[in-house]
């Protein structure tokens, strides 16, 4: 029974799971940001091309 109590109170693996989730959320935000920025840049380049007459 003492072993189960020790396992229940042990939080050493918890921080690794939190770091993993945080890393995944940061990666997802980076991918979304790059995708949005890429679409915006493509639109701006297209507008510039039309203004130049290309």
C-alpha atoms as a PDB file:
ATOM      1  CA  UNK A   1       0.000   0.000   0.000  1.00  0.00           C
ATOM      2  CA  UNK A   2       2.898   2.355   0.744  1.00  0.00           C
ATOM      3  CA  UNK A   3       4.160   1.812  -2.806  1.00  0.00           C
ATOM      4  CA  UNK A   4       0.851   3.025  -4.245  1.00  0.00           C
ATOM      5  CA  UNK A   5       0.936   6.113  -2.031  1.00  0.00           C
ATOM      6  CA  UNK A   6       4.443   6.863  -3.217  1.00  0.00           C
ATOM      7  CA  UNK A   7       3.400   6.537  -6.853  1.00  0.00           C
ATOM      8  CA  UNK A   8       0.346   8.749  -6.280  1.00  0.00           C
ATOM      9  CA  UNK A   9       2.444  11.530  -4.738  1.00  0.00           C
ATOM     10  CA  UNK A  10       5.319  11.291  -7.233  1.00  0.00           C
ATOM     11  CA  UNK A  11       5.152  14.229  -9.669  1.00  0.00           C
ATOM     12  CA  UNK A  12       8.525  13.862 -11.387  1.00  0.00           C
ATOM     13  CA  UNK A  13       7.040  12.668 -14.690  1.00  0.00           C
ATOM     14  CA  UNK A  14       4.359  15.311 -14.646  1.00  0.00           C
ATOM     15  CA  UNK A  15       6.704  18.133 -15.596  1.00  0.00           C
ATOM     16  CA  UNK A  16       7.948  16.237 -18.661  1.00  0.00           C
ATOM     17  CA  UNK A  17       4.393  15.821 -19.902  1.00  0.00           C
ATOM     18  CA  UNK A  18       3.753  19.516 -19.369  1.00  0.00           C
ATOM     19  CA  UNK A  19       6.913  20.429 -21.287  1.00  0.00           C
ATOM     20  CA  UNK A  20       5.834  18.147 -24.103  1.00  0.00           C
ATOM     21  CA  UNK A  21       2.404  19.762 -24.329  1.00  0.00           C
ATOM     22  CA  UNK A  22       3.899  23.242 -24.169  1.00  0.00           C
ATOM     23  CA  UNK A  23       6.366  22.403 -26.937  1.00  0.00           C
ATOM     24  CA  UNK A  24       3.576  21.025 -29.114  1.00  0.00           C
ATOM     25  CA  UNK A  25       1.463  24.161 -28.614  1.00  0.00           C
ATOM     26  CA  UNK A  26       4.411  26.424 -29.455  1.00  0.00           C
ATOM     27  CA  UNK A  27       5.149  24.401 -32.591  1.00  0.00           C
ATOM     28  CA  UNK A  28       1.499  24.610 -33.640  1.00  0.00           C
ATOM     29  CA  UNK A  29       1.490  28.385 -33.131  1.00  0.00           C
ATOM     30  CA  UNK A  30       4.687  28.714 -35.209  1.00  0.00           C
ATOM     31  CA  UNK A  31       3.235  26.669 -38.066  1.00  0.00           C
ATOM     32  CA  UNK A  32       0.028  28.709 -38.031  1.00  0.00           C
ATOM     33  CA  UNK A  33       1.999  31.967 -37.952  1.00  0.00           C
ATOM     34  CA  UNK A  34       4.243  30.991 -40.841  1.00  0.00           C
ATOM     35  CA  UNK A  35       1.255  29.860 -42.896  1.00  0.00           C
ATOM     36  CA  UNK A  36      -0.618  33.107 -42.255  1.00  0.00           C
ATOM     37  CA  UNK A  37       2.472  35.207 -42.925  1.00  0.00           C
ATOM     38  CA  UNK A  38       3.164  33.283 -46.129  1.00  0.00           C
ATOM     39  CA  UNK A  39      -0.320  33.926 -47.458  1.00  0.00           C
ATOM     40  CA  UNK A  40      -0.092  37.614 -46.578  1.00  0.00           C
ATOM     41  CA  UNK A  41       3.285  37.961 -48.277  1.00  0.00           C
ATOM     42  CA  UNK A  42       2.056  36.160 -51.372  1.00  0.00           C
ATOM     43  CA  UNK A  43      -0.863  38.587 -51.606  1.00  0.00           C
ATOM     44  CA  UNK A  44       1.391  41.620 -51.180  1.00  0.00           C
ATOM     45  CA  UNK A  45       3.830  40.373 -53.825  1.00  0.00           C
ATOM     46  CA  UNK A  46       0.928  39.757 -56.205  1.00  0.00           C
ATOM     47  CA  UNK A  47      -0.361  43.310 -55.636  1.00  0.00           C
ATOM     48  CA  UNK A  48       3.100  44.725 -56.233  1.00  0.00           C
ATOM     49  CA  UNK A  49       3.458  42.701 -59.421  1.00  0.00           C
ATOM     50  CA  UNK A  50       0.154  44.068 -60.731  1.00  0.00           C
ATOM     51  CA  UNK A  51       1.157  47.634 -59.905  1.00  0.00           C
ATOM     52  CA  UNK A  52       4.464  47.252 -61.725  1.00  0.00           C
ATOM     53  CA  UNK A  53       2.656  45.857 -64.731  1.00  0.00           C
ATOM     54  CA  UNK A  54       4.065  42.360 -64.722  1.00  0.00           C
END
